[in-house]
Amino acid sequence: TKILKAGRLAPTAKDLQPQKIYVIESEEALSKIDKVTPCRYGAPICLLICSDKNIAWKNNDYSSYESDAAIVATHMLLEATNLGLGNIWVRHFDIAEVQKEFNLPSNVVPICLMPLGYASDDYKESPLHNQRKELSETTTYL
């Protein structure tokens, strides 16, 4: 609930809150996740973070649906980490396949999956996980 509340409090364009969060926890639903991605890593819960294109703010040829859901997902990732839960942002899936498996309408677009759980004792972290570029490589002062 704390993770979901963190997403609910995240800022979105004009505060329209187009996010649609699906808590995947049943064996049937988790097997659908396993069909669409190899990246659940045995997590007992997986959040499917989507955005409703019909609700998102639009301006000419721009829609905030994707960035709004990304902000929401980031807030939830940070809260999950704060609570000591292992988590990862997964975008290794086909959008149409996820929409089909979960019977989502075409206006509800999957943005990412977020497996949640406690890391196993033999978990080996990616060597890139804690490597960060120097600020001078990513920041320019004007």
C-alpha atoms as a PDB file:
ATOM      1  CA  THR A   1       0.000   0.000   0.000  1.00  0.00           C
ATOM      2  CA  LYS A   2       2.864   2.406   0.782  1.00  0.00           C
ATOM      3  CA  ILE A   3       4.312   1.819  -2.692  1.00  0.00           C
ATOM      4  CA  LEU A   4       0.957   2.425  -4.368  1.00  0.00           C
ATOM      5  CA  LYS A   5       0.424   5.562  -2.279  1.00  0.00           C
ATOM      6  CA  ALA A   6       3.841   6.873  -3.353  1.00  0.00           C
ATOM      7  CA  GLY A   7       2.707   6.531  -6.967  1.00  0.00           C
ATOM      8  CA  ARG A   8      -0.586   8.227  -6.193  1.00  0.00           C
ATOM      9  CA  LEU A   9       1.257  11.246  -4.773  1.00  0.00           C
ATOM     10  CA  ALA A  10       3.604  11.584  -7.758  1.00  0.00           C
ATOM     11  CA  PRO A  11       3.199  14.701  -9.896  1.00  0.00           C
ATOM     12  CA  THR A  12       1.599  14.394 -13.326  1.00  0.00           C
ATOM     13  CA  ALA A  13       0.882  16.999 -16.001  1.00  0.00           C
ATOM     14  CA  LYS A  14      -1.980  19.233 -14.834  1.00  0.00           C
ATOM     15  CA  ASP A  15      -2.440  16.633 -12.067  1.00  0.00           C
ATOM     16  CA  LEU A  16      -4.654  14.582 -14.392  1.00  0.00           C
ATOM     17  CA  GLN A  17      -3.231  11.295 -13.019  1.00  0.00           C
ATOM     18  CA  PRO A  18      -3.607   9.106 -16.116  1.00  0.00           C
ATOM     19  CA  GLN A  19      -1.780   6.181 -14.495  1.00  0.00           C
ATOM     20  CA  LYS A  20      -3.431   2.791 -14.235  1.00  0.00           C
ATOM     21  CA  ILE A  21      -1.624   0.419 -11.880  1.00  0.00           C
ATOM     22  CA  TYR A  22      -2.376  -3.303 -11.949  1.00  0.00           C
ATOM     23  CA  VAL A  23      -1.138  -5.366  -9.006  1.00  0.00           C
ATOM     24  CA  ILE A  24      -0.238  -8.753 -10.454  1.00  0.00           C
ATOM     25  CA  GLU A  25      -0.231 -11.379  -7.689  1.00  0.00           C
ATOM     26  CA  SER A  26      -2.361 -14.370  -8.687  1.00  0.00           C
ATOM     27  CA  GLU A  27      -0.624 -17.386 -10.209  1.00  0.00           C
ATOM     28  CA  GLU A  28      -2.700 -16.955 -13.364  1.00  0.00           C
ATOM     29  CA  ALA A  29      -1.720 -13.305 -13.784  1.00  0.00           C
ATOM     30  CA  LEU A  30       1.952 -13.971 -12.913  1.00  0.00           C
ATOM     31  CA  SER A  31       2.055 -16.685 -15.577  1.00  0.00           C
ATOM     32  CA  LYS A  32       0.854 -14.077 -18.076  1.00  0.00           C
ATOM     33  CA  ILE A  33       3.758 -11.832 -17.035  1.00  0.00           C
ATOM     34  CA  ASP A  34       6.125 -14.767 -17.584  1.00  0.00           C
ATOM     35  CA  LYS A  35       4.677 -15.187 -21.095  1.00  0.00           C
ATOM     36  CA  VAL A  36       5.462 -11.584 -22.048  1.00  0.00           C
ATOM     37  CA  THR A  37       8.901 -11.136 -20.439  1.00  0.00           C
ATOM     38  CA  PRO A  38      11.741 -13.203 -18.981  1.00  0.00           C
ATOM     39  CA  CYS A  39      12.349 -10.440 -16.430  1.00  0.00           C
ATOM     40  CA  ARG A  40      10.073 -11.251 -13.469  1.00  0.00           C
ATOM     41  CA  TYR A  41      12.943 -13.027 -11.710  1.00  0.00           C
ATOM     42  CA  GLY A  42      10.587 -15.049  -9.517  1.00  0.00           C
ATOM     43  CA  ALA A  43       9.084 -12.004  -7.801  1.00  0.00           C
ATOM     44  CA  PRO A  44       5.807 -12.817  -6.016  1.00  0.00           C
ATOM     45  CA  ILE A  45       4.242  -9.495  -7.051  1.00  0.00           C
ATOM     46  CA  CYS A  46       4.629  -7.497 -10.222  1.00  0.00           C
ATOM     47  CA  LEU A  47       3.164  -4.079 -10.826  1.00  0.00           C
ATOM     48  CA  LEU A  48       1.991  -3.311 -14.337  1.00  0.00           C
ATOM     49  CA  ILE A  49       2.208   0.457 -14.723  1.00  0.00           C
ATOM     50  CA  CYS A  50       0.086   1.803 -17.550  1.00  0.00           C
ATOM     51  CA  SER A  51      -1.168   5.178 -18.680  1.00  0.00           C
ATOM     52  CA  ASP A  52      -4.502   6.127 -20.171  1.00  0.00           C
ATOM     53  CA  LYS A  53      -3.918   8.203 -23.301  1.00  0.00           C
ATOM     54  CA  ASN A  54      -7.474   9.554 -23.091  1.00  0.00           C
ATOM     55  CA  ILE A  55      -6.870  11.097 -19.657  1.00  0.00           C
ATOM     56  CA  ALA A  56      -3.320  12.412 -20.130  1.00  0.00           C
ATOM     57  CA  TRP A  57      -2.655  16.067 -20.862  1.00  0.00           C
ATOM     58  CA  LYS A  58      -2.268  16.908 -24.551  1.00  0.00           C
ATOM     59  CA  ASN A  59      -0.802  19.932 -26.297  1.00  0.00           C
ATOM     60  CA  ASN A  60      -0.716  19.960 -30.093  1.00  0.00           C
ATOM     61  CA  ASP A  61       1.211  16.792 -31.031  1.00  0.00           C
ATOM     62  CA  TYR A  62       2.433  16.032 -27.472  1.00  0.00           C
ATOM     63  CA  SER A  63       0.819  13.806 -24.852  1.00  0.00           C
ATOM     64  CA  SER A  64       2.112  13.439 -21.303  1.00  0.00           C
ATOM     65  CA  TYR A  65       0.868   9.845 -20.912  1.00  0.00           C
ATOM     66  CA  GLU A  66       4.303   8.209 -21.020  1.00  0.00           C
ATOM     67  CA  SER A  67       6.200  10.729 -18.900  1.00  0.00           C
ATOM     68  CA  ASP A  68       3.400  10.848 -16.315  1.00  0.00           C
ATOM     69  CA  ALA A  69       3.526   7.081 -15.843  1.00  0.00           C
ATOM     70  CA  ALA A  70       7.335   7.171 -15.738  1.00  0.00           C
ATOM     71  CA  ILE A  71       7.232   9.702 -12.895  1.00  0.00           C
ATOM     72  CA  VAL A  72       4.676   7.583 -11.032  1.00  0.00           C
ATOM     73  CA  ALA A  73       6.756   4.423 -11.529  1.00  0.00           C
ATOM     74  CA  THR A  74       9.918   6.177 -10.339  1.00  0.00           C
ATOM     75  CA  HIS A  75       8.227   7.277  -7.136  1.00  0.00           C
ATOM     76  CA  MET A  76       7.077   3.705  -6.554  1.00  0.00           C
ATOM     77  CA  LEU A  77      10.572   2.289  -7.249  1.00  0.00           C
ATOM     78  CA  LEU A  78      12.077   4.690  -4.733  1.00  0.00           C
ATOM     79  CA  GLU A  79       9.492   3.759  -2.096  1.00  0.00           C
ATOM     80  CA  ALA A  80      10.015   0.031  -2.706  1.00  0.00           C
ATOM     81  CA  THR A  81      13.769   0.512  -2.271  1.00  0.00           C
ATOM     82  CA  ASN A  82      13.148   2.563   0.873  1.00  0.00           C
ATOM     83  CA  LEU A  83      11.108  -0.356   2.249  1.00  0.00           C
ATOM     84  CA  GLY A  84      13.922  -2.817   1.499  1.00  0.00           C
ATOM     85  CA  LEU A  85      12.212  -4.555  -1.399  1.00  0.00           C
ATOM     86  CA  GLY A  86      14.099  -5.663  -4.466  1.00  0.00           C
ATOM     87  CA  ASN A  87      12.674  -4.070  -7.583  1.00  0.00           C
ATOM     88  CA  ILE A  88      13.515  -3.326 -11.169  1.00  0.00           C
ATOM     89  CA  TRP A  89      12.093  -1.283 -14.026  1.00  0.00           C
ATOM     90  CA  VAL A  90      11.248  -3.697 -16.848  1.00  0.00           C
ATOM     91  CA  ARG A  91      10.484  -2.564 -20.378  1.00  0.00           C
ATOM     92  CA  HIS A  92      11.489  -5.812 -22.080  1.00  0.00           C
ATOM     93  CA  PHE A  93       8.034  -6.705 -23.458  1.00  0.00           C
ATOM     94  CA  ASP A  94       5.786  -6.141 -26.444  1.00  0.00           C
ATOM     95  CA  ILE A  95       3.090  -3.560 -25.660  1.00  0.00           C
ATOM     96  CA  ALA A  96       0.431  -5.224 -27.842  1.00  0.00           C
ATOM     97  CA  GLU A  97       1.129  -8.604 -26.246  1.00  0.00           C
ATOM     98  CA  VAL A  98       0.661  -7.195 -22.723  1.00  0.00           C
ATOM     99  CA  GLN A  99      -2.527  -5.418 -23.783  1.00  0.00           C
ATOM    100  CA  LYS A 100      -3.846  -8.689 -25.207  1.00  0.00           C
ATOM    101  CA  GLU A 101      -2.878 -10.872 -22.211  1.00  0.00           C
ATOM    102  CA  PHE A 102      -4.520  -8.498 -19.728  1.00  0.00           C
ATOM    103  CA  ASN A 103      -7.394  -7.429 -21.995  1.00  0.00           C
ATOM    104  CA  LEU A 104      -6.455  -3.751 -21.803  1.00  0.00           C
ATOM    105  CA  PRO A 105      -8.208  -1.247 -24.029  1.00  0.00           C
ATOM    106  CA  SER A 106      -6.068   0.368 -26.734  1.00  0.00           C
ATOM    107  CA  ASN A 107      -5.991   3.704 -24.861  1.00  0.00           C
ATOM    108  CA  VAL A 108      -4.378   2.060 -21.782  1.00  0.00           C
ATOM    109  CA  VAL A 109      -0.714   1.686 -22.672  1.00  0.00           C
ATOM    110  CA  PRO A 110       1.726  -0.438 -20.637  1.00  0.00           C
ATOM    111  CA  ILE A 111       4.751   1.687 -19.722  1.00  0.00           C
ATOM    112  CA  CYS A 112       6.721  -0.691 -17.498  1.00  0.00           C
ATOM    113  CA  LEU A 113       6.585  -3.717 -15.254  1.00  0.00           C
ATOM    114  CA  MET A 114       7.928  -3.610 -11.715  1.00  0.00           C
ATOM    115  CA  PRO A 115       8.671  -6.978 -10.096  1.00  0.00           C
ATOM    116  CA  LEU A 116       8.746  -6.657  -6.291  1.00  0.00           C
ATOM    117  CA  GLY A 117      10.208  -9.026  -3.718  1.00  0.00           C
ATOM    118  CA  TYR A 118      13.176  -9.775  -1.513  1.00  0.00           C
ATOM    119  CA  ALA A 119      16.405 -10.692  -3.270  1.00  0.00           C
ATOM    120  CA  SER A 120      17.551 -14.285  -2.812  1.00  0.00           C
ATOM    121  CA  ASP A 121      20.745 -14.987  -0.872  1.00  0.00           C
ATOM    122  CA  ASP A 122      22.564 -15.987  -4.075  1.00  0.00           C
ATOM    123  CA  TYR A 123      21.491 -12.874  -5.989  1.00  0.00           C
ATOM    124  CA  LYS A 124      24.282 -11.432  -8.112  1.00  0.00           C
ATOM    125  CA  GLU A 125      23.876  -7.753  -8.812  1.00  0.00           C
ATOM    126  CA  SER A 126      24.645  -6.446 -12.295  1.00  0.00           C
ATOM    127  CA  PRO A 127      28.153  -4.976 -12.411  1.00  0.00           C
ATOM    128  CA  LEU A 128      26.662  -1.790 -13.877  1.00  0.00           C
ATOM    129  CA  HIS A 129      24.144  -1.356 -11.054  1.00  0.00           C
ATOM    130  CA  ASN A 130      26.219   1.031  -8.968  1.00  0.00           C
ATOM    131  CA  GLN A 131      28.397   2.545 -11.684  1.00  0.00           C
ATOM    132  CA  ARG A 132      27.602   6.161 -12.402  1.00  0.00           C
ATOM    133  CA  LYS A 133      29.092   8.585 -14.869  1.00  0.00           C
ATOM    134  CA  GLU A 134      30.824  11.638 -13.499  1.00  0.00           C
ATOM    135  CA  LEU A 135      28.609  14.713 -13.282  1.00  0.00           C
ATOM    136  CA  SER A 136      30.846  16.379 -15.834  1.00  0.00           C
ATOM    137  CA  GLU A 137      29.730  13.767 -18.379  1.00  0.00           C
ATOM    138  CA  THR A 138      26.013  14.385 -17.852  1.00  0.00           C
ATOM    139  CA  THR A 139      25.763  18.027 -16.763  1.00  0.00           C
ATOM    140  CA  THR A 140      26.424  21.307 -18.550  1.00  0.00           C
ATOM    141  CA  TYR A 141      26.311  24.688 -16.863  1.00  0.00           C
ATOM    142  CA  LEU A 142      25.129  27.510 -19.146  1.00  0.00           C
END
